[in-house]
PDB file of N, CA and C in Angstrom:
ATOM      1  N   MET A   1       0.844  -1.162   0.000  1.00  0.00           N
ATOM      2  CA  MET A   1       0.000   0.000   0.000  1.00  0.00           C
ATOM      3  C   MET A   1       0.894   1.231   0.000  1.00  0.00           C
ATOM      4  N   VAL A   2       0.685   2.099  -0.952  1.00  0.00           N
ATOM      5  CA  VAL A   2       1.423   3.357  -1.046  1.00  0.00           C
ATOM      6  C   VAL A   2       0.482   4.495  -0.688  1.00  0.00           C
ATOM      7  N   VAL A   3       0.898   5.335   0.232  1.00  0.00           N
ATOM      8  CA  VAL A   3       0.146   6.526   0.585  1.00  0.00           C
ATOM      9  C   VAL A   3       0.827   7.698  -0.116  1.00  0.00           C
ATOM     10  N   GLY A   4       0.143   8.287  -1.050  1.00  0.00           N
ATOM     11  CA  GLY A   4       0.708   9.436  -1.751  1.00  0.00           C
ATOM     12  C   GLY A   4       0.219   9.463  -3.179  1.00  0.00           C
ATOM     13  N   PRO A   5       0.228  10.583  -3.795  1.00  0.00           N
ATOM     14  CA  PRO A   5       0.783  11.820  -3.246  1.00  0.00           C
ATOM     15  C   PRO A   5      -0.158  12.424  -2.207  1.00  0.00           C
ATOM     16  N   VAL A   6       0.426  13.198  -1.299  1.00  0.00           N
ATOM     17  CA  VAL A   6      -0.351  13.938  -0.308  1.00  0.00           C
ATOM     18  C   VAL A   6      -0.046  15.415  -0.524  1.00  0.00           C
ATOM     19  N   VAL A   7      -1.078  16.154  -0.914  1.00  0.00           N
ATOM     20  CA  VAL A   7      -0.973  17.592  -1.137  1.00  0.00           C
ATOM     21  C   VAL A   7      -2.035  18.246  -0.275  1.00  0.00           C
ATOM     22  N   ALA A   8      -1.626  19.200   0.552  1.00  0.00           N
ATOM     23  CA  ALA A   8      -2.562  19.822   1.481  1.00  0.00           C
ATOM     24  C   ALA A   8      -2.138  21.260   1.775  1.00  0.00           C
ATOM     25  N   THR A   9      -3.037  21.998   2.414  1.00  0.00           N
ATOM     26  CA  THR A   9      -2.739  23.383   2.768  1.00  0.00           C
ATOM     27  C   THR A   9      -1.999  23.503   4.090  1.00  0.00           C
ATOM     28  N   SER A  10      -1.960  22.423   4.881  1.00  0.00           N
ATOM     29  CA  SER A  10      -1.254  22.492   6.164  1.00  0.00           C
ATOM     30  C   SER A  10      -0.761  21.108   6.577  1.00  0.00           C
ATOM     31  N   LEU A  11       0.156  21.111   7.520  1.00  0.00           N
ATOM     32  CA  LEU A  11       0.675  19.873   8.088  1.00  0.00           C
ATOM     33  C   LEU A  11      -0.449  19.077   8.746  1.00  0.00           C
ATOM     34  N   GLU A  12      -1.362  19.759   9.413  1.00  0.00           N
ATOM     35  CA  GLU A  12      -2.454  19.080  10.103  1.00  0.00           C
ATOM     36  C   GLU A  12      -3.364  18.337   9.118  1.00  0.00           C
ATOM     37  N   TYR A  13      -3.688  18.968   7.992  1.00  0.00           N
ATOM     38  CA  TYR A  13      -4.521  18.308   6.983  1.00  0.00           C
ATOM     39  C   TYR A  13      -3.787  17.125   6.360  1.00  0.00           C
ATOM     40  N   ALA A  14      -2.513  17.295   6.091  1.00  0.00           N
ATOM     41  CA  ALA A  14      -1.729  16.197   5.524  1.00  0.00           C
ATOM     42  C   ALA A  14      -1.688  15.020   6.494  1.00  0.00           C
ATOM     43  N   ALA A  15      -1.457  15.303   7.775  1.00  0.00           N
ATOM     44  CA  ALA A  15      -1.409  14.242   8.784  1.00  0.00           C
ATOM     45  C   ALA A  15      -2.751  13.532   8.895  1.00  0.00           C
ATOM     46  N   ALA A  16      -3.847  14.280   8.798  1.00  0.00           N
ATOM     47  CA  ALA A  16      -5.179  13.670   8.882  1.00  0.00           C
ATOM     48  C   ALA A  16      -5.415  12.713   7.711  1.00  0.00           C
ATOM     49  N   MET A  17      -5.020  13.124   6.519  1.00  0.00           N
ATOM     50  CA  MET A  17      -5.195  12.241   5.351  1.00  0.00           C
ATOM     51  C   MET A  17      -4.357  10.977   5.498  1.00  0.00           C
ATOM     52  N   ILE A  18      -3.118  11.136   5.930  1.00  0.00           N
ATOM     53  CA  ILE A  18      -2.233   9.984   6.095  1.00  0.00           C
ATOM     54  C   ILE A  18      -2.752   9.069   7.204  1.00  0.00           C
ATOM     55  N   ALA A  19      -3.200   9.656   8.312  1.00  0.00           N
ATOM     56  CA  ALA A  19      -3.732   8.861   9.424  1.00  0.00           C
ATOM     57  C   ALA A  19      -4.931   8.029   8.993  1.00  0.00           C
ATOM     58  N   TYR A  20      -5.768   8.584   8.127  1.00  0.00           N
ATOM     59  CA  TYR A  20      -6.921   7.833   7.621  1.00  0.00           C
ATOM     60  C   TYR A  20      -6.457   6.553   6.922  1.00  0.00           C
ATOM     61  N   TRP A  21      -5.494   6.685   6.016  1.00  0.00           N
ATOM     62  CA  TRP A  21      -5.044   5.523   5.251  1.00  0.00           C
ATOM     63  C   TRP A  21      -4.286   4.532   6.118  1.00  0.00           C
ATOM     64  N   ILE A  22      -3.491   5.031   7.047  1.00  0.00           N
ATOM     65  CA  ILE A  22      -2.788   4.124   7.960  1.00  0.00           C
ATOM     66  C   ILE A  22      -3.807   3.358   8.807  1.00  0.00           C
ATOM     67  N   GLY A  23      -4.809   4.062   9.326  1.00  0.00           N
ATOM     68  CA  GLY A  23      -5.839   3.408  10.140  1.00  0.00           C
ATOM     69  C   GLY A  23      -6.683   2.434   9.350  1.00  0.00           C
ATOM     70  N   SER A  24      -6.916   2.732   8.082  1.00  0.00           N
ATOM     71  CA  SER A  24      -7.735   1.858   7.236  1.00  0.00           C
ATOM     72  C   SER A  24      -7.014   0.573   6.853  1.00  0.00           C
ATOM     73  N   HIS A  25      -5.705   0.559   7.005  1.00  0.00           N
ATOM     74  CA  HIS A  25      -4.906  -0.611   6.609  1.00  0.00           C
ATOM     75  C   HIS A  25      -3.979  -1.038   7.738  1.00  0.00           C
ATOM     76  N   ALA A  26      -4.467  -0.966   8.968  1.00  0.00           N
ATOM     77  CA  ALA A  26      -3.666  -1.328  10.138  1.00  0.00           C
ATOM     78  C   ALA A  26      -3.108  -2.744   9.997  1.00  0.00           C
ATOM     79  N   GLY A  27      -1.849  -2.884  10.342  1.00  0.00           N
ATOM     80  CA  GLY A  27      -1.195  -4.187  10.302  1.00  0.00           C
ATOM     81  C   GLY A  27      -0.639  -4.573   8.947  1.00  0.00           C
ATOM     82  N   GLN A  28      -0.909  -3.774   7.925  1.00  0.00           N
ATOM     83  CA  GLN A  28      -0.403  -4.055   6.589  1.00  0.00           C
ATOM     84  C   GLN A  28       0.842  -3.215   6.313  1.00  0.00           C
ATOM     85  N   PHE A  29       1.641  -3.660   5.358  1.00  0.00           N
ATOM     86  CA  PHE A  29       2.812  -2.893   4.943  1.00  0.00           C
ATOM     87  C   PHE A  29       2.348  -1.594   4.300  1.00  0.00           C
ATOM     88  N   MET A  30       2.914  -0.479   4.743  1.00  0.00           N
ATOM     89  CA  MET A  30       2.587   0.833   4.191  1.00  0.00           C
ATOM     90  C   MET A  30       3.877   1.478   3.685  1.00  0.00           C
ATOM     91  N   ARG A  31       3.789   2.123   2.552  1.00  0.00           N
ATOM     92  CA  ARG A  31       4.926   2.878   2.032  1.00  0.00           C
ATOM     93  C   ARG A  31       4.493   4.329   1.900  1.00  0.00           C
ATOM     94  N   LEU A  32       5.335   5.216   2.393  1.00  0.00           N
ATOM     95  CA  LEU A  32       5.076   6.642   2.330  1.00  0.00           C
ATOM     96  C   LEU A  32       6.400   7.331   2.051  1.00  0.00           C
ATOM     97  N   ASP A  33       6.537   7.907   0.868  1.00  0.00           N
ATOM     98  CA  ASP A  33       7.765   8.609   0.492  1.00  0.00           C
ATOM     99  C   ASP A  33       7.551  10.102   0.692  1.00  0.00           C
ATOM    100  N   ILE A  34       8.371  10.693   1.561  1.00  0.00           N
ATOM    101  CA  ILE A  34       8.256  12.119   1.823  1.00  0.00           C
ATOM    102  C   ILE A  34       9.545  12.820   1.423  1.00  0.00           C
ATOM    103  N   PRO A  35       9.446  14.094   1.049  1.00  0.00           N
ATOM    104  CA  PRO A  35      10.670  14.850   0.769  1.00  0.00           C
ATOM    105  C   PRO A  35      11.547  14.898   2.020  1.00  0.00           C
ATOM    106  N   GLN A  36      12.844  14.983   1.825  1.00  0.00           N
ATOM    107  CA  GLN A  36      13.796  14.918   2.928  1.00  0.00           C
ATOM    108  C   GLN A  36      13.544  15.992   3.988  1.00  0.00           C
ATOM    109  N   ASP A  37      13.145  17.181   3.582  1.00  0.00           N
ATOM    110  CA  ASP A  37      12.942  18.281   4.526  1.00  0.00           C
ATOM    111  C   ASP A  37      11.489  18.419   4.977  1.00  0.00           C
ATOM    112  N   CYS A  38      10.709  17.396   4.816  1.00  0.00           N
ATOM    113  CA  CYS A  38       9.278  17.453   5.117  1.00  0.00           C
ATOM    114  C   CYS A  38       9.025  17.523   6.625  1.00  0.00           C
ATOM    115  N   ALA A  39       8.109  18.385   7.012  1.00  0.00           N
ATOM    116  CA  ALA A  39       7.753  18.556   8.419  1.00  0.00           C
ATOM    117  C   ALA A  39       7.031  17.328   8.990  1.00  0.00           C
ATOM    118  N   LEU A  40       6.581  16.422   8.145  1.00  0.00           N
ATOM    119  CA  LEU A  40       5.885  15.215   8.620  1.00  0.00           C
ATOM    120  C   LEU A  40       6.822  14.202   9.255  1.00  0.00           C
ATOM    121  N   SER A  41       8.090  14.310   9.023  1.00  0.00           N
ATOM    122  CA  SER A  41       9.047  13.306   9.475  1.00  0.00           C
ATOM    123  C   SER A  41       8.941  13.017  10.971  1.00  0.00           C
ATOM    124  N   ARG A  42       8.911  14.055  11.778  1.00  0.00           N
ATOM    125  CA  ARG A  42       8.836  13.877  13.233  1.00  0.00           C
ATOM    126  C   ARG A  42       7.517  13.197  13.624  1.00  0.00           C
ATOM    127  N   TRP A  43       6.403  13.632  13.030  1.00  0.00           N
ATOM    128  CA  TRP A  43       5.100  13.045  13.342  1.00  0.00           C
ATOM    129  C   TRP A  43       5.068  11.571  12.972  1.00  0.00           C
ATOM    130  N   LEU A  44       5.611  11.222  11.818  1.00  0.00           N
ATOM    131  CA  LEU A  44       5.630   9.817  11.392  1.00  0.00           C
ATOM    132  C   LEU A  44       6.446   8.969  12.365  1.00  0.00           C
ATOM    133  N   ASP A  45       7.561   9.506  12.857  1.00  0.00           N
ATOM    134  CA  ASP A  45       8.346   8.800  13.877  1.00  0.00           C
ATOM    135  C   ASP A  45       7.516   8.605  15.142  1.00  0.00           C
ATOM    136  N   GLU A  46       6.795   9.644  15.559  1.00  0.00           N
ATOM    137  CA  GLU A  46       6.001   9.593  16.791  1.00  0.00           C
ATOM    138  C   GLU A  46       4.879   8.562  16.725  1.00  0.00           C
ATOM    139  N   ILE A  47       4.276   8.372  15.549  1.00  0.00           N
ATOM    140  CA  ILE A  47       3.178   7.402  15.449  1.00  0.00           C
ATOM    141  C   ILE A  47       3.691   5.991  15.154  1.00  0.00           C
ATOM    142  N   GLY A  48       5.016   5.844  15.021  1.00  0.00           N
ATOM    143  CA  GLY A  48       5.596   4.516  14.896  1.00  0.00           C
ATOM    144  C   GLY A  48       5.764   3.993  13.485  1.00  0.00           C
ATOM    145  N   LEU A  49       5.649   4.857  12.473  1.00  0.00           N
ATOM    146  CA  LEU A  49       5.889   4.403  11.112  1.00  0.00           C
ATOM    147  C   LEU A  49       7.404   4.305  10.918  1.00  0.00           C
ATOM    148  N   LEU A  50       7.897   3.113  10.774  1.00  0.00           N
ATOM    149  CA  LEU A  50       9.327   2.835  10.721  1.00  0.00           C
ATOM    150  C   LEU A  50       9.978   3.442   9.485  1.00  0.00           C
ATOM    151  N   ARG A  51      11.031   4.210   9.692  1.00  0.00           N
ATOM    152  CA  ARG A  51      11.795   4.773   8.581  1.00  0.00           C
ATOM    153  C   ARG A  51      12.824   3.733   8.141  1.00  0.00           C
ATOM    154  N   VAL A  52      12.763   3.337   6.884  1.00  0.00           N
ATOM    155  CA  VAL A  52      13.677   2.312   6.400  1.00  0.00           C
ATOM    156  C   VAL A  52      14.735   2.849   5.448  1.00  0.00           C
ATOM    157  N   ASP A  53      14.550   4.060   4.946  1.00  0.00           N
ATOM    158  CA  ASP A  53      15.522   4.607   4.007  1.00  0.00           C
ATOM    159  C   ASP A  53      15.295   6.103   3.880  1.00  0.00           C
ATOM    160  N   ALA A  54      16.255   6.783   3.288  1.00  0.00           N
ATOM    161  CA  ALA A  54      16.114   8.208   2.983  1.00  0.00           C
ATOM    162  C   ALA A  54      16.456   8.389   1.514  1.00  0.00           C
ATOM    163  N   VAL A  55      15.644   9.162   0.832  1.00  0.00           N
ATOM    164  CA  VAL A  55      15.868   9.392  -0.587  1.00  0.00           C
ATOM    165  C   VAL A  55      15.808  10.887  -0.871  1.00  0.00           C
ATOM    166  N   ALA A  56      16.368  11.279  -1.988  1.00  0.00           N
ATOM    167  CA  ALA A  56      16.304  12.675  -2.424  1.00  0.00           C
ATOM    168  C   ALA A  56      15.303  12.769  -3.571  1.00  0.00           C
ATOM    169  N   ALA A  57      14.442  13.760  -3.502  1.00  0.00           N
ATOM    170  CA  ALA A  57      13.495  14.002  -4.588  1.00  0.00           C
ATOM    171  C   ALA A  57      14.178  14.894  -5.618  1.00  0.00           C
ATOM    172  N   MET A  58      14.097  14.509  -6.862  1.00  0.00           N
ATOM    173  CA  MET A  58      14.710  15.292  -7.931  1.00  0.00           C
ATOM    174  C   MET A  58      13.619  16.038  -8.683  1.00  0.00           C
ATOM    175  N   VAL A  59      13.936  17.253  -9.118  1.00  0.00           N
ATOM    176  CA  VAL A  59      12.980  18.073  -9.851  1.00  0.00           C
ATOM    177  C   VAL A  59      13.605  18.554 -11.146  1.00  0.00           C
ATOM    178  N   THR A  60      12.739  18.945 -12.081  1.00  0.00           N
ATOM    179  CA  THR A  60      13.235  19.425 -13.372  1.00  0.00           C
ATOM    180  C   THR A  60      13.334  20.943 -13.432  1.00  0.00           C
ATOM    181  N   ASP A  61      12.793  21.644 -12.428  1.00  0.00           N
ATOM    182  CA  ASP A  61      12.929  23.090 -12.391  1.00  0.00           C
ATOM    183  C   ASP A  61      13.108  23.521 -10.946  1.00  0.00           C
ATOM    184  N   SER A  62      13.320  24.794 -10.736  1.00  0.00           N
ATOM    185  CA  SER A  62      13.579  25.274  -9.386  1.00  0.00           C
ATOM    186  C   SER A  62      12.352  25.909  -8.752  1.00  0.00           C
ATOM    187  N   HIS A  63      11.156  25.616  -9.267  1.00  0.00           N
ATOM    188  CA  HIS A  63       9.916  26.175  -8.724  1.00  0.00           C
ATOM    189  C   HIS A  63       9.763  25.753  -7.268  1.00  0.00           C
ATOM    190  N   ASP A  64       9.551  26.719  -6.404  1.00  0.00           N
ATOM    191  CA  ASP A  64       9.350  26.451  -4.978  1.00  0.00           C
ATOM    192  C   ASP A  64       7.883  26.158  -4.735  1.00  0.00           C
ATOM    193  N   SER A  65       7.544  24.937  -4.314  1.00  0.00           N
ATOM    194  CA  SER A  65       6.147  24.553  -4.100  1.00  0.00           C
ATOM    195  C   SER A  65       5.560  25.197  -2.854  1.00  0.00           C
ATOM    196  N   HIS A  66       6.365  25.917  -2.079  1.00  0.00           N
ATOM    197  CA  HIS A  66       5.875  26.559  -0.859  1.00  0.00           C
ATOM    198  C   HIS A  66       5.805  28.080  -1.018  1.00  0.00           C
ATOM    199  N   ASP A  67       5.480  28.552  -2.206  1.00  0.00           N
ATOM    200  CA  ASP A  67       5.378  29.998  -2.379  1.00  0.00           C
ATOM    201  C   ASP A  67       4.054  30.511  -1.838  1.00  0.00           C
ATOM    202  N   VAL A  68       3.987  31.811  -1.563  1.00  0.00           N
ATOM    203  CA  VAL A  68       2.809  32.380  -0.911  1.00  0.00           C
ATOM    204  C   VAL A  68       1.581  32.414  -1.814  1.00  0.00           C
ATOM    205  N   GLU A  69       1.766  32.390  -3.121  1.00  0.00           N
ATOM    206  CA  GLU A  69       0.633  32.407  -4.032  1.00  0.00           C
ATOM    207  C   GLU A  69      -0.039  31.051  -4.159  1.00  0.00           C
ATOM    208  N   ASN A  70       0.647  29.994  -3.779  1.00  0.00           N
ATOM    209  CA  ASN A  70       0.109  28.640  -3.881  1.00  0.00           C
ATOM    210  C   ASN A  70      -0.063  28.077  -2.470  1.00  0.00           C
ATOM    211  N   PRO A  71      -1.300  27.983  -1.971  1.00  0.00           N
ATOM    212  CA  PRO A  71      -1.496  27.505  -0.597  1.00  0.00           C
ATOM    213  C   PRO A  71      -1.291  25.993  -0.437  1.00  0.00           C
ATOM    214  N   MET A  72      -1.156  25.266  -1.537  1.00  0.00           N
ATOM    215  CA  MET A  72      -0.987  23.820  -1.466  1.00  0.00           C
ATOM    216  C   MET A  72       0.489  23.462  -1.341  1.00  0.00           C
ATOM    217  N   HIS A  73       0.771  22.470  -0.498  1.00  0.00           N
ATOM    218  CA  HIS A  73       2.141  22.019  -0.283  1.00  0.00           C
ATOM    219  C   HIS A  73       2.207  20.508  -0.478  1.00  0.00           C
ATOM    220  N   ARG A  74       3.302  20.050  -1.000  1.00  0.00           N
ATOM    221  CA  ARG A  74       3.508  18.617  -1.208  1.00  0.00           C
ATOM    222  C   ARG A  74       4.121  18.040   0.060  1.00  0.00           C
ATOM    223  N   PHE A  75       3.426  17.083   0.684  1.00  0.00           N
ATOM    224  CA  PHE A  75       3.917  16.448   1.895  1.00  0.00           C
ATOM    225  C   PHE A  75       4.406  15.027   1.641  1.00  0.00           C
ATOM    226  N   ALA A  76       3.851  14.356   0.655  1.00  0.00           N
ATOM    227  CA  ALA A  76       4.288  12.998   0.335  1.00  0.00           C
ATOM    228  C   ALA A  76       4.261  12.841  -1.172  1.00  0.00           C
ATOM    229  N   LEU A  77       5.207  12.067  -1.657  1.00  0.00           N
ATOM    230  CA  LEU A  77       5.335  11.833  -3.081  1.00  0.00           C
ATOM    231  C   LEU A  77       4.448  10.665  -3.500  1.00  0.00           C
ATOM    232  N   CYS A  78       4.147  10.596  -4.766  1.00  0.00           N
ATOM    233  CA  CYS A  78       3.430   9.433  -5.293  1.00  0.00           C
ATOM    234  C   CYS A  78       4.337   8.221  -5.154  1.00  0.00           C
ATOM    235  N   SER A  79       5.569   8.409  -5.495  1.00  0.00           N
ATOM    236  CA  SER A  79       6.622   7.401  -5.372  1.00  0.00           C
ATOM    237  C   SER A  79       7.921   8.143  -5.498  1.00  0.00           C
ATOM    238  N   GLN A  80       8.925   7.730  -4.763  1.00  0.00           N
ATOM    239  CA  GLN A  80      10.205   8.430  -4.872  1.00  0.00           C
ATOM    240  C   GLN A  80      10.758   8.338  -6.300  1.00  0.00           C
ATOM    241  N   ALA A  81      10.317   7.359  -7.049  1.00  0.00           N
ATOM    242  CA  ALA A  81      10.757   7.247  -8.437  1.00  0.00           C
ATOM    243  C   ALA A  81      10.107   8.310  -9.330  1.00  0.00           C
ATOM    244  N   PHE A  82       8.890   8.746  -8.966  1.00  0.00           N
ATOM    245  CA  PHE A  82       8.187   9.751  -9.743  1.00  0.00           C
ATOM    246  C   PHE A  82       8.505  11.169  -9.288  1.00  0.00           C
ATOM    247  N   GLY A  83       8.780  11.363  -7.980  1.00  0.00           N
ATOM    248  CA  GLY A  83       9.041  12.701  -7.433  1.00  0.00           C
ATOM    249  C   GLY A  83       7.787  13.433  -7.070  1.00  0.00           C
TER     250      GLY A  83
END
């Protein structure tokens, strides 16, 4: 089970969406790829989602997804292979 992509206006909304999917598939293998600097990292550690690796997300341009004109932020990737 892959959780992502997760795009939300806040960390709280992103965590709520992820918590729904984790709760809906309790006891099953879950994969969640997050950007290295993602604020969700600490929360995921706190809820016990085991970190097994760290990857770098690659982009084709330097567009900042956290600009003030765009209230949506990327919290989890579809797959680290897709970015």
